[in-house]
Protein backbone atom coordinates (compact mmCIF):
# COMPACT_ATOMS: atom_id res chain seq x y z
CA UNK A 1 41.03 -12.98 57.70
CA UNK A 2 38.90 -10.46 59.58
CA UNK A 3 35.21 -9.74 59.05
CA UNK A 4 33.17 -6.55 59.41
CA UNK A 5 29.50 -6.97 60.26
CA UNK A 6 27.42 -4.16 58.79
CA UNK A 7 23.79 -3.27 59.40
CA UNK A 8 21.42 -0.33 59.06
CA UNK A 9 18.88 0.54 61.73
CA UNK A 10 15.95 2.68 62.71
CA UNK A 11 14.10 2.03 65.97
CA UNK A 12 15.28 -1.57 66.28
CA UNK A 13 15.63 -1.86 70.07
CA UNK A 14 13.35 -4.93 70.14
CA UNK A 15 15.63 -6.87 67.80
CA UNK A 16 19.09 -5.36 68.00
CA UNK A 17 20.51 -6.93 71.16
CA UNK A 18 19.82 -10.50 70.04
CA UNK A 19 21.17 -9.70 66.58
CA UNK A 20 24.42 -8.26 67.92
CA UNK A 21 24.85 -11.09 70.42
CA UNK A 22 24.86 -13.47 67.45
CA UNK A 23 27.73 -11.66 65.67
CA UNK A 24 30.18 -11.10 68.54
CA UNK A 25 32.71 -13.19 66.62
CA UNK A 26 33.17 -10.28 64.18
CA UNK A 27 36.29 -8.12 64.24
CA UNK A 28 34.15 -4.98 64.01
CA UNK A 29 30.46 -4.07 63.89
CA UNK A 30 29.31 -1.12 61.77
CA UNK A 31 25.87 0.39 62.41
CA UNK A 32 24.41 3.18 60.27
CA UNK A 33 21.32 4.56 61.97
CA UNK A 34 18.75 6.82 60.34
CA UNK A 35 17.28 8.78 63.21
CA UNK A 36 16.22 6.22 65.82
CA UNK A 37 14.18 7.65 68.67
CA UNK A 38 14.38 4.55 70.89
CA UNK A 39 17.42 2.83 72.50
CA UNK A 40 18.86 1.50 69.23
CA UNK A 41 22.00 3.66 69.26
CA UNK A 42 22.58 3.06 72.96
CA UNK A 43 22.37 -0.71 72.49
CA UNK A 44 24.71 -0.65 69.49
CA UNK A 45 27.29 1.40 71.37
CA UNK A 46 27.07 -0.95 74.37
CA UNK A 47 28.22 -3.76 72.06
CA UNK A 48 31.18 -1.70 70.88
CA UNK A 49 29.74 -1.00 67.46
CA UNK A 50 30.93 1.93 65.40
CA UNK A 51 27.73 3.94 65.02
CA UNK A 52 27.10 6.57 62.34
CA UNK A 53 23.85 8.54 62.39
CA UNK A 54 22.41 10.06 59.24
CA UNK A 55 19.84 12.81 58.94
CA UNK A 56 18.40 11.65 55.62
CA UNK A 57 16.99 8.41 54.23
CA UNK A 58 18.27 7.66 50.71
CA UNK A 59 16.76 4.16 50.56
CA UNK A 60 17.93 0.70 51.60
CA UNK A 61 20.59 0.24 48.92
CA UNK A 62 22.37 3.59 49.34
CA UNK A 63 22.14 3.36 53.15
CA UNK A 64 23.75 -0.10 53.14
CA UNK A 65 26.49 1.22 50.86
CA UNK A 66 27.19 3.87 53.49
CA UNK A 67 27.68 1.09 56.03
CA UNK A 68 29.86 -0.82 53.57
CA UNK A 69 32.10 2.21 53.10
CA UNK A 70 32.75 2.24 56.86
CA UNK A 71 33.99 -1.36 56.89
CA UNK A 72 37.73 -1.94 57.23
CA UNK A 73 38.11 -5.74 57.33
CA UNK A 74 38.77 -7.94 54.26
CA UNK A 75 35.40 -9.71 54.60
CA UNK A 76 31.94 -8.19 55.08
CA UNK A 77 28.87 -9.85 56.57
CA UNK A 78 25.69 -7.86 55.97
CA UNK A 79 22.88 -8.60 58.40
CA UNK A 80 19.52 -7.05 59.25
CA UNK A 81 18.47 -6.34 62.83
CA UNK A 82 15.74 -8.98 62.64
CA UNK A 83 18.21 -11.72 61.65
CA UNK A 84 20.41 -13.96 63.80
CA UNK A 85 23.58 -15.88 63.00
CA UNK A 86 23.18 -19.40 64.37
CA UNK A 87 26.21 -21.13 65.97
CA UNK A 88 26.32 -23.47 62.96
CA UNK A 89 26.38 -20.52 60.56
CA UNK A 90 29.11 -18.80 62.56
CA UNK A 91 31.30 -21.90 62.36
CA UNK A 92 30.72 -22.22 58.62
CA UNK A 93 31.46 -18.53 57.99
CA UNK A 94 34.79 -18.77 59.83
CA UNK A 95 35.62 -21.96 57.95
CA UNK A 96 35.01 -20.57 54.45
CA UNK A 97 36.87 -17.36 55.24
CA UNK A 98 39.92 -19.39 56.27
CA UNK A 99 39.68 -21.54 53.14
CA UNK A 100 39.49 -18.39 50.98
CA UNK A 101 38.33 -20.29 47.87
CA UNK A 102 35.46 -17.96 46.97
CA UNK A 103 34.89 -14.23 47.35
CA UNK A 104 31.12 -14.22 47.87
CA UNK A 105 28.55 -16.49 49.52
CA UNK A 106 24.79 -16.75 49.57
CA UNK A 107 23.25 -17.68 52.91
CA UNK A 108 19.81 -19.29 53.31
CA UNK A 109 17.28 -17.74 55.70
CA UNK A 110 14.70 -19.59 57.75
CA UNK A 111 12.02 -16.98 58.43
CA UNK A 112 9.41 -17.03 61.18
CA UNK A 113 5.93 -15.53 60.90
CA UNK A 114 3.87 -15.08 64.06
CA UNK A 115 5.93 -17.73 65.82
CA UNK A 116 5.96 -20.34 63.02
CA UNK A 117 9.00 -21.14 60.81
CA UNK A 118 7.82 -20.92 57.20
CA UNK A 119 9.25 -23.60 54.91
CA UNK A 120 7.11 -22.97 51.83
CA UNK A 121 5.34 -19.92 50.34
CA UNK A 122 8.58 -18.97 48.60
CA UNK A 123 10.16 -18.23 51.97
CA UNK A 124 12.61 -21.13 52.14
CA UNK A 125 15.50 -21.44 51.53
CA UNK A 126 15.50 -17.73 50.51
CA UNK A 127 19.19 -17.43 49.61
CA UNK A 128 20.64 -13.94 50.11
CA UNK A 129 24.16 -12.83 49.18
CA UNK A 130 25.46 -11.45 52.45
CA UNK A 131 29.05 -12.62 52.93
CA UNK A 132 31.62 -11.21 50.53
CA UNK A 133 35.09 -9.74 50.17
CA UNK A 134 34.87 -6.02 50.83
CA UNK A 135 36.31 -5.07 47.44
CA UNK A 136 34.21 -7.64 45.54
CA UNK A 137 30.67 -6.41 46.16
CA UNK A 138 28.41 -3.40 46.44
CA UNK A 139 24.68 -2.93 47.04
CA UNK A 140 22.42 -1.81 44.24
CA UNK A 141 21.42 1.84 44.59
CA UNK A 142 17.68 1.22 44.87
CA UNK A 143 15.16 2.30 47.50
CA UNK A 144 13.82 -1.21 48.22
CA UNK A 145 14.71 -4.81 47.38
CA UNK A 146 18.41 -4.02 47.30
CA UNK A 147 20.92 -6.79 46.66
CA UNK A 148 24.66 -7.24 46.52
CA UNK A 149 26.18 -6.98 43.07
CA UNK A 150 29.42 -8.84 42.44
CA UNK A 151 31.46 -10.15 39.54
CA UNK A 152 32.99 -12.84 41.77
CA UNK A 153 32.00 -16.48 41.63
CA UNK A 154 29.32 -17.07 44.25
CA UNK A 155 29.05 -20.18 46.44
CA UNK A 156 26.31 -21.18 48.90
CA UNK A 157 26.54 -21.95 52.59
CA UNK A 158 24.55 -24.78 54.15
CA UNK A 159 23.82 -23.17 57.51
CA UNK A 160 21.23 -20.42 57.76
CA UNK A 161 20.20 -17.13 59.28
CA UNK A 162 17.20 -17.18 61.57
CA UNK A 163 14.92 -14.37 60.43
CA UNK A 164 12.14 -12.76 62.48
CA UNK A 165 10.53 -10.22 60.13
CA UNK A 166 6.98 -10.22 61.53
CA UNK A 167 6.23 -11.00 65.15
CA UNK A 168 2.55 -10.14 64.63
CA UNK A 169 0.08 -8.91 62.04
CA UNK A 170 0.64 -5.26 62.96
CA UNK A 171 4.31 -5.57 61.98
CA UNK A 172 3.37 -7.19 58.68
CA UNK A 173 0.82 -4.51 57.80
CA UNK A 174 3.22 -1.70 58.74
CA UNK A 175 5.94 -3.14 56.52
CA UNK A 176 3.53 -3.68 53.60
CA UNK A 177 2.47 -0.05 53.80
CA UNK A 178 6.04 1.23 53.90
CA UNK A 179 7.41 -0.99 51.16
CA UNK A 180 4.44 -0.47 48.84
CA UNK A 181 4.87 3.30 49.04
CA UNK A 182 8.60 3.20 48.35
CA UNK A 183 8.20 0.70 45.52
CA UNK A 184 5.42 2.78 43.92
CA UNK A 185 7.57 5.91 44.06
CA UNK A 186 10.49 4.06 42.44
CA UNK A 187 8.28 2.67 39.66
CA UNK A 188 6.71 6.07 39.02
CA UNK A 189 10.15 7.66 38.77
CA UNK A 190 10.99 5.12 36.04
CA UNK A 191 7.85 6.04 34.11
CA UNK A 192 5.92 2.85 34.82
CA UNK A 193 2.14 3.04 34.65
CA UNK A 194 -0.77 0.75 35.54
CA UNK A 195 -4.54 0.73 35.20
CA UNK A 196 -7.27 -1.15 37.05
CA UNK A 197 -6.95 -4.36 34.95
CA UNK A 198 -3.19 -4.50 35.56
CA UNK A 199 -3.66 -3.78 39.24
CA UNK A 200 -6.08 -6.67 39.59
CA UNK A 201 -3.98 -9.10 37.57
CA UNK A 202 -0.83 -8.39 39.59
CA UNK A 203 -2.70 -9.01 42.85
CA UNK A 204 -4.41 -12.22 41.72
CA UNK A 205 -1.21 -13.62 40.22
CA UNK A 206 0.71 -12.88 43.43
CA UNK A 207 -1.76 -14.94 45.47
CA UNK A 208 -1.68 -17.85 42.99
CA UNK A 209 2.11 -17.82 42.82
CA UNK A 210 2.59 -17.92 46.59
CA UNK A 211 -0.30 -20.07 47.76
CA UNK A 212 -0.42 -22.62 44.94
CA UNK A 213 2.79 -22.60 42.88
CA UNK A 214 5.06 -22.07 45.89
CA UNK A 215 2.86 -24.39 48.00
CA UNK A 216 1.94 -21.89 50.67
CA UNK A 217 -1.00 -24.12 51.54
CA UNK A 218 1.50 -26.47 53.21
CA UNK A 219 2.19 -23.74 55.76
CA UNK A 220 -1.42 -23.96 56.97
CA UNK A 221 -3.24 -20.85 58.12
CA UNK A 222 0.05 -18.95 58.24
CA UNK A 223 0.61 -19.69 54.56
CA UNK A 224 -2.88 -18.51 53.61
CA UNK A 225 -2.44 -15.24 55.50
CA UNK A 226 0.96 -14.66 53.91
CA UNK A 227 -0.43 -15.24 50.42
CA UNK A 228 -3.28 -12.80 51.02
CA UNK A 229 -0.88 -10.28 52.56
CA UNK A 230 1.45 -10.52 49.57
CA UNK A 231 -1.47 -10.03 47.19
CA UNK A 232 -2.57 -7.05 49.27
CA UNK A 233 0.95 -5.63 49.11
CA UNK A 234 0.86 -5.92 45.34
CA UNK A 235 -2.56 -4.26 45.25
CA UNK A 236 -1.37 -1.35 47.42
CA UNK A 237 1.87 -0.96 45.47
CA UNK A 238 0.14 -0.64 42.12
CA UNK A 239 -2.72 1.41 43.54
CA UNK A 240 -0.22 3.92 44.89
CA UNK A 241 1.57 3.92 41.53
CA UNK A 242 -1.70 4.61 39.74
CA UNK A 243 -2.55 7.56 41.96
CA UNK A 244 0.99 8.94 41.87
CA UNK A 245 0.78 9.01 38.09
CA UNK A 246 -2.67 10.65 38.20
CA UNK A 247 -1.20 13.38 40.38
CA UNK A 248 1.70 13.81 37.97
CA UNK A 249 -0.67 14.05 35.00
CA UNK A 250 -2.75 16.63 36.81
CA UNK A 251 0.30 18.72 37.69
CA UNK A 252 1.59 18.58 34.11
CA UNK A 253 -1.63 19.81 32.54
CA UNK A 254 -1.25 23.31 31.06
C-alpha cells in the first residue's frame, strides 16, 4: 500500500530539507508552492518531489486540496514544512497501512516554542487528522484552520510529529499578524460583527482558557508568553474584523 506525502509551501527553505528527510519512506512527495522567492522549490526538486507552482493564494484549505488532487497513491500523509516524522511514527504509519483496518488516522504533535517542547497550554497532544485513504478525505475549503473531512472511522496513532512552528518571537508575531488578518476577512465575509466589549471578552477569555484551564502555567515563562500571544491574536483578529466592517458600512452608505 503506497503513500503520497503532500505539503504546501512558501519560502520554507529553513524547514523544508529536514521535513523532507523525515518522509523519504514515501512513494511520492507532492509539493504545491505559492510563489516562493527563496530556495524552497530547488530543495523540493532535489528530493525528487513533484512540484507545482501556483500564481494565486486561495487559502490553506483550497491549496491543500490542490496538493491532494496531485496524489496518486492509495494513502495520503499531509505534513507541514515545520513538522517532522519521527522514526517511531514512520514505523507506526507503515504498520497501520499494512493492517488496513482503518481509513483515517489522527496523529499527535509535540510542538516546540523557542526551543522548549510544550506539553500544556492546549498544545499537547494536539491530534491532527493527517493520514488517510486518498478517496476517503478532503480538506475543508477555508482560508485558515483547515482540517480533513472524512466519513470514515478515525483511529489514533501513538507516535507523534515533531512540530517547530516558532523558532523565535519574530516568527510568532509574524504568524499572528497573518492569521488574524485572514481569519478577520473570513468572519467578515460571513457577516460576523463585533464591538469593543466583545473584542475585550474574547481576548480575556483566550488568556484564561490557555493559561489557567489548559494549565499553561506549567510550561513556565514559555506558557505565559504563549497565553499572552494567543490573547493578542484574538484581540488583533477581532479588531481587524471590527475595522473591516466599519469600512464596509462606510462604503455602503448612500
